[in-house]
Amino acid sequence: MPEITWETPYCGEAANCYRIGTDEQGNSYIAVSGTEKHFLTDSREALVQMIRDIKAGKADHLL
């Protein structure tokens, strides 16, 4: 298992908390807080692009 450095959880109003992490190989990870053993992973570049797209409103239809 990679050594993941997790950020502080990001929590919504309904206490839906997600954590974002990275490892030394440049991979990124997303997990529900408390279940970090079950994560999604991709490259750091993919995480950066996803954050940019969310900030640009490209995921607003999911709200």
PDB file of N, CA and C in Angstrom:
ATOM      1  N   MET A   1       0.847  -1.179   0.000  1.00  0.00           N
ATOM      2  CA  MET A   1       0.000   0.000   0.000  1.00  0.00           C
ATOM      3  C   MET A   1       0.890   1.240   0.000  1.00  0.00           C
ATOM      4  N   PRO A   2       0.565   2.227  -0.838  1.00  0.00           N
ATOM      5  CA  PRO A   2       1.386   3.439  -0.898  1.00  0.00           C
ATOM      6  C   PRO A   2       1.264   4.258   0.382  1.00  0.00           C
ATOM      7  N   GLU A   3       2.264   5.054   0.645  1.00  0.00           N
ATOM      8  CA  GLU A   3       2.249   5.968   1.788  1.00  0.00           C
ATOM      9  C   GLU A   3       1.526   7.239   1.357  1.00  0.00           C
ATOM     10  N   ILE A   4       0.272   7.381   1.785  1.00  0.00           N
ATOM     11  CA  ILE A   4      -0.574   8.497   1.368  1.00  0.00           C
ATOM     12  C   ILE A   4      -0.574   9.567   2.452  1.00  0.00           C
ATOM     13  N   THR A   5      -0.370  10.818   2.025  1.00  0.00           N
ATOM     14  CA  THR A   5      -0.482  11.957   2.926  1.00  0.00           C
ATOM     15  C   THR A   5      -1.858  12.555   2.706  1.00  0.00           C
ATOM     16  N   TRP A   6      -2.746  12.396   3.702  1.00  0.00           N
ATOM     17  CA  TRP A   6      -4.136  12.858   3.596  1.00  0.00           C
ATOM     18  C   TRP A   6      -4.270  14.286   4.114  1.00  0.00           C
ATOM     19  N   GLU A   7      -5.070  15.093   3.405  1.00  0.00           N
ATOM     20  CA  GLU A   7      -5.410  16.438   3.855  1.00  0.00           C
ATOM     21  C   GLU A   7      -6.525  16.345   4.898  1.00  0.00           C
ATOM     22  N   THR A   8      -6.772  17.429   5.593  1.00  0.00           N
ATOM     23  CA  THR A   8      -7.898  17.517   6.521  1.00  0.00           C
ATOM     24  C   THR A   8      -9.187  17.284   5.737  1.00  0.00           C
ATOM     25  N   PRO A   9     -10.172  16.570   6.303  1.00  0.00           N
ATOM     26  CA  PRO A   9     -11.420  16.300   5.568  1.00  0.00           C
ATOM     27  C   PRO A   9     -12.157  17.578   5.169  1.00  0.00           C
ATOM     28  N   TYR A  10     -12.781  17.526   4.003  1.00  0.00           N
ATOM     29  CA  TYR A  10     -13.672  18.576   3.530  1.00  0.00           C
ATOM     30  C   TYR A  10     -15.083  18.078   3.796  1.00  0.00           C
ATOM     31  N   CYS A  11     -15.835  18.815   4.614  1.00  0.00           N
ATOM     32  CA  CYS A  11     -17.157  18.349   5.028  1.00  0.00           C
ATOM     33  C   CYS A  11     -18.243  19.304   4.544  1.00  0.00           C
ATOM     34  N   GLY A  12     -19.337  18.729   4.026  1.00  0.00           N
ATOM     35  CA  GLY A  12     -20.502  19.503   3.626  1.00  0.00           C
ATOM     36  C   GLY A  12     -21.439  19.700   4.797  1.00  0.00           C
ATOM     37  N   GLU A  13     -22.562  20.341   4.541  1.00  0.00           N
ATOM     38  CA  GLU A  13     -23.537  20.624   5.590  1.00  0.00           C
ATOM     39  C   GLU A  13     -24.091  19.349   6.213  1.00  0.00           C
ATOM     40  N   ALA A  14     -24.250  18.309   5.438  1.00  0.00           N
ATOM     41  CA  ALA A  14     -24.818  17.061   5.945  1.00  0.00           C
ATOM     42  C   ALA A  14     -23.739  16.126   6.487  1.00  0.00           C
ATOM     43  N   ALA A  15     -22.570  16.669   6.767  1.00  0.00           N
ATOM     44  CA  ALA A  15     -21.447  15.914   7.325  1.00  0.00           C
ATOM     45  C   ALA A  15     -20.927  14.851   6.368  1.00  0.00           C
ATOM     46  N   ASN A  16     -21.061  15.078   5.066  1.00  0.00           N
ATOM     47  CA  ASN A  16     -20.440  14.213   4.065  1.00  0.00           C
ATOM     48  C   ASN A  16     -19.005  14.672   3.910  1.00  0.00           C
ATOM     49  N   CYS A  17     -18.079  13.928   4.478  1.00  0.00           N
ATOM     50  CA  CYS A  17     -16.684  14.356   4.510  1.00  0.00           C
ATOM     51  C   CYS A  17     -15.827  13.535   3.552  1.00  0.00           C
ATOM     52  N   TYR A  18     -15.054  14.241   2.739  1.00  0.00           N
ATOM     53  CA  TYR A  18     -14.136  13.614   1.797  1.00  0.00           C
ATOM     54  C   TYR A  18     -12.719  14.038   2.133  1.00  0.00           C
ATOM     55  N   ARG A  19     -11.782  13.161   1.805  1.00  0.00           N
ATOM     56  CA  ARG A  19     -10.375  13.475   2.016  1.00  0.00           C
ATOM     57  C   ARG A  19      -9.637  13.343   0.694  1.00  0.00           C
ATOM     58  N   ILE A  20      -8.703  14.232   0.485  1.00  0.00           N
ATOM     59  CA  ILE A  20      -7.838  14.207  -0.692  1.00  0.00           C
ATOM     60  C   ILE A  20      -6.428  13.967  -0.192  1.00  0.00           C
ATOM     61  N   GLY A  21      -5.705  13.094  -0.887  1.00  0.00           N
ATOM     62  CA  GLY A  21      -4.335  12.789  -0.496  1.00  0.00           C
ATOM     63  C   GLY A  21      -3.433  12.647  -1.703  1.00  0.00           C
ATOM     64  N   THR A  22      -2.141  12.619  -1.450  1.00  0.00           N
ATOM     65  CA  THR A  22      -1.138  12.413  -2.496  1.00  0.00           C
ATOM     66  C   THR A  22      -0.054  11.487  -1.951  1.00  0.00           C
ATOM     67  N   ASP A  23       0.703  10.898  -2.879  1.00  0.00           N
ATOM     68  CA  ASP A  23       1.854  10.103  -2.466  1.00  0.00           C
ATOM     69  C   ASP A  23       3.107  10.645  -3.136  1.00  0.00           C
ATOM     70  N   GLU A  24       4.249  10.065  -2.827  1.00  0.00           N
ATOM     71  CA  GLU A  24       5.525  10.567  -3.338  1.00  0.00           C
ATOM     72  C   GLU A  24       5.721  10.297  -4.831  1.00  0.00           C
ATOM     73  N   GLN A  25       4.913   9.413  -5.424  1.00  0.00           N
ATOM     74  CA  GLN A  25       5.027   9.108  -6.842  1.00  0.00           C
ATOM     75  C   GLN A  25       4.173  10.039  -7.709  1.00  0.00           C
ATOM     76  N   GLY A  26       3.478  10.997  -7.090  1.00  0.00           N
ATOM     77  CA  GLY A  26       2.678  11.957  -7.839  1.00  0.00           C
ATOM     78  C   GLY A  26       1.255  11.508  -8.099  1.00  0.00           C
ATOM     79  N   ASN A  27       0.781  10.504  -7.381  1.00  0.00           N
ATOM     80  CA  ASN A  27      -0.598  10.051  -7.520  1.00  0.00           C
ATOM     81  C   ASN A  27      -1.489  10.802  -6.550  1.00  0.00           C
ATOM     82  N   SER A  28      -2.761  10.930  -6.905  1.00  0.00           N
ATOM     83  CA  SER A  28      -3.724  11.573  -6.020  1.00  0.00           C
ATOM     84  C   SER A  28      -4.763  10.552  -5.596  1.00  0.00           C
ATOM     85  N   TYR A  29      -5.400  10.819  -4.449  1.00  0.00           N
ATOM     86  CA  TYR A  29      -6.366   9.894  -3.862  1.00  0.00           C
ATOM     87  C   TYR A  29      -7.548  10.680  -3.325  1.00  0.00           C
ATOM     88  N   ILE A  30      -8.746  10.099  -3.441  1.00  0.00           N
ATOM     89  CA  ILE A  30      -9.955  10.668  -2.856  1.00  0.00           C
ATOM     90  C   ILE A  30     -10.655   9.542  -2.119  1.00  0.00           C
ATOM     91  N   ALA A  31     -11.099   9.826  -0.885  1.00  0.00           N
ATOM     92  CA  ALA A  31     -11.795   8.821  -0.081  1.00  0.00           C
ATOM     93  C   ALA A  31     -12.824   9.507   0.808  1.00  0.00           C
ATOM     94  N   VAL A  32     -13.825   8.754   1.220  1.00  0.00           N
ATOM     95  CA  VAL A  32     -14.755   9.228   2.233  1.00  0.00           C
ATOM     96  C   VAL A  32     -14.020   9.161   3.566  1.00  0.00           C
ATOM     97  N   SER A  33     -14.131  10.220   4.346  1.00  0.00           N
ATOM     98  CA  SER A  33     -13.441  10.268   5.635  1.00  0.00           C
ATOM     99  C   SER A  33     -13.867   9.089   6.501  1.00  0.00           C
ATOM    100  N   GLY A  34     -12.876   8.402   7.037  1.00  0.00           N
ATOM    101  CA  GLY A  34     -13.113   7.235   7.863  1.00  0.00           C
ATOM    102  C   GLY A  34     -13.015   5.923   7.119  1.00  0.00           C
ATOM    103  N   THR A  35     -12.983   5.996   5.773  1.00  0.00           N
ATOM    104  CA  THR A  35     -12.854   4.777   4.954  1.00  0.00           C
ATOM    105  C   THR A  35     -11.699   4.927   3.973  1.00  0.00           C
ATOM    106  N   GLU A  36     -10.585   5.467   4.448  1.00  0.00           N
ATOM    107  CA  GLU A  36      -9.448   5.768   3.586  1.00  0.00           C
ATOM    108  C   GLU A  36      -8.823   4.534   2.941  1.00  0.00           C
ATOM    109  N   LYS A  37      -9.135   3.350   3.431  1.00  0.00           N
ATOM    110  CA  LYS A  37      -8.610   2.132   2.801  1.00  0.00           C
ATOM    111  C   LYS A  37      -9.311   1.854   1.471  1.00  0.00           C
ATOM    112  N   HIS A  38     -10.454   2.503   1.237  1.00  0.00           N
ATOM    113  CA  HIS A  38     -11.225   2.337   0.001  1.00  0.00           C
ATOM    114  C   HIS A  38     -11.200   3.672  -0.740  1.00  0.00           C
ATOM    115  N   PHE A  39     -10.230   3.838  -1.614  1.00  0.00           N
ATOM    116  CA  PHE A  39     -10.021   5.126  -2.267  1.00  0.00           C
ATOM    117  C   PHE A  39     -10.071   5.009  -3.781  1.00  0.00           C
ATOM    118  N   LEU A  40     -10.262   6.161  -4.419  1.00  0.00           N
ATOM    119  CA  LEU A  40     -10.098   6.298  -5.863  1.00  0.00           C
ATOM    120  C   LEU A  40      -8.737   6.929  -6.079  1.00  0.00           C
ATOM    121  N   THR A  41      -8.055   6.525  -7.134  1.00  0.00           N
ATOM    122  CA  THR A  41      -6.730   7.090  -7.380  1.00  0.00           C
ATOM    123  C   THR A  41      -6.554   7.434  -8.857  1.00  0.00           C
ATOM    124  N   ASP A  42      -5.744   8.444  -9.099  1.00  0.00           N
ATOM    125  CA  ASP A  42      -5.398   8.875 -10.449  1.00  0.00           C
ATOM    126  C   ASP A  42      -4.136   9.722 -10.324  1.00  0.00           C
ATOM    127  N   SER A  43      -3.721  10.321 -11.411  1.00  0.00           N
ATOM    128  CA  SER A  43      -2.517  11.158 -11.372  1.00  0.00           C
ATOM    129  C   SER A  43      -2.822  12.492 -10.692  1.00  0.00           C
ATOM    130  N   ARG A  44      -1.778  13.141 -10.240  1.00  0.00           N
ATOM    131  CA  ARG A  44      -1.937  14.465  -9.637  1.00  0.00           C
ATOM    132  C   ARG A  44      -2.510  15.440 -10.658  1.00  0.00           C
ATOM    133  N   GLU A  45      -2.098  15.322 -11.903  1.00  0.00           N
ATOM    134  CA  GLU A  45      -2.603  16.196 -12.961  1.00  0.00           C
ATOM    135  C   GLU A  45      -4.111  16.026 -13.143  1.00  0.00           C
ATOM    136  N   ALA A  46      -4.602  14.790 -13.039  1.00  0.00           N
ATOM    137  CA  ALA A  46      -6.035  14.542 -13.162  1.00  0.00           C
ATOM    138  C   ALA A  46      -6.795  15.191 -12.007  1.00  0.00           C
ATOM    139  N   LEU A  47      -6.242  15.140 -10.793  1.00  0.00           N
ATOM    140  CA  LEU A  47      -6.875  15.782  -9.643  1.00  0.00           C
ATOM    141  C   LEU A  47      -6.928  17.293  -9.846  1.00  0.00           C
ATOM    142  N   VAL A  48      -5.833  17.875 -10.296  1.00  0.00           N
ATOM    143  CA  VAL A  48      -5.792  19.319 -10.541  1.00  0.00           C
ATOM    144  C   VAL A  48      -6.851  19.711 -11.565  1.00  0.00           C
ATOM    145  N   GLN A  49      -6.964  18.945 -12.648  1.00  0.00           N
ATOM    146  CA  GLN A  49      -7.950  19.261 -13.677  1.00  0.00           C
ATOM    147  C   GLN A  49      -9.371  19.108 -13.156  1.00  0.00           C
ATOM    148  N   MET A  50      -9.632  18.086 -12.345  1.00  0.00           N
ATOM    149  CA  MET A  50     -10.955  17.897 -11.776  1.00  0.00           C
ATOM    150  C   MET A  50     -11.328  19.086 -10.890  1.00  0.00           C
ATOM    151  N   ILE A  51     -10.403  19.555 -10.063  1.00  0.00           N
ATOM    152  CA  ILE A  51     -10.672  20.700  -9.198  1.00  0.00           C
ATOM    153  C   ILE A  51     -10.942  21.944 -10.040  1.00  0.00           C
ATOM    154  N   ARG A  52     -10.158  22.147 -11.082  1.00  0.00           N
ATOM    155  CA  ARG A  52     -10.385  23.304 -11.968  1.00  0.00           C
ATOM    156  C   ARG A  52     -11.769  23.231 -12.611  1.00  0.00           C
ATOM    157  N   ASP A  53     -12.152  22.044 -13.080  1.00  0.00           N
ATOM    158  CA  ASP A  53     -13.462  21.882 -13.713  1.00  0.00           C
ATOM    159  C   ASP A  53     -14.593  22.134 -12.726  1.00  0.00           C
ATOM    160  N   ILE A  54     -14.450  21.643 -11.503  1.00  0.00           N
ATOM    161  CA  ILE A  54     -15.492  21.874 -10.483  1.00  0.00           C
ATOM    162  C   ILE A  54     -15.593  23.369 -10.190  1.00  0.00           C
ATOM    163  N   LYS A  55     -14.452  24.038 -10.051  1.00  0.00           N
ATOM    164  CA  LYS A  55     -14.476  25.484  -9.783  1.00  0.00           C
ATOM    165  C   LYS A  55     -15.069  26.268 -10.950  1.00  0.00           C
ATOM    166  N   ALA A  56     -14.941  25.733 -12.158  1.00  0.00           N
ATOM    167  CA  ALA A  56     -15.486  26.398 -13.351  1.00  0.00           C
ATOM    168  C   ALA A  56     -16.973  26.113 -13.529  1.00  0.00           C
ATOM    169  N   GLY A  57     -17.548  25.294 -12.644  1.00  0.00           N
ATOM    170  CA  GLY A  57     -18.980  25.039 -12.712  1.00  0.00           C
ATOM    171  C   GLY A  57     -19.381  23.841 -13.554  1.00  0.00           C
ATOM    172  N   LYS A  58     -18.424  23.055 -14.017  1.00  0.00           N
ATOM    173  CA  LYS A  58     -18.748  21.942 -14.900  1.00  0.00           C
ATOM    174  C   LYS A  58     -19.451  20.781 -14.184  1.00  0.00           C
ATOM    175  N   ALA A  59     -19.509  20.820 -12.853  1.00  0.00           N
ATOM    176  CA  ALA A  59     -20.209  19.768 -12.113  1.00  0.00           C
ATOM    177  C   ALA A  59     -21.471  20.305 -11.426  1.00  0.00           C
ATOM    178  N   ASP A  60     -21.848  21.535 -11.720  1.00  0.00           N
ATOM    179  CA  ASP A  60     -23.000  22.145 -11.059  1.00  0.00           C
ATOM    180  C   ASP A  60     -24.301  21.365 -11.316  1.00  0.00           C
ATOM    181  N   HIS A  61     -24.396  20.680 -12.423  1.00  0.00           N
ATOM    182  CA  HIS A  61     -25.608  19.920 -12.724  1.00  0.00           C
ATOM    183  C   HIS A  61     -25.787  18.732 -11.771  1.00  0.00           C
ATOM    184  N   LEU A  62     -24.749  18.365 -11.026  1.00  0.00           N
ATOM    185  CA  LEU A  62     -24.842  17.279 -10.069  1.00  0.00           C
ATOM    186  C   LEU A  62     -25.408  17.735  -8.730  1.00  0.00           C
ATOM    187  N   LEU A  63     -25.522  19.027  -8.537  1.00  0.00           N
ATOM    188  CA  LEU A  63     -26.014  19.562  -7.257  1.00  0.00           C
ATOM    189  C   LEU A  63     -27.518  19.536  -7.190  1.00  0.00           C
TER     190      LEU A  63
END
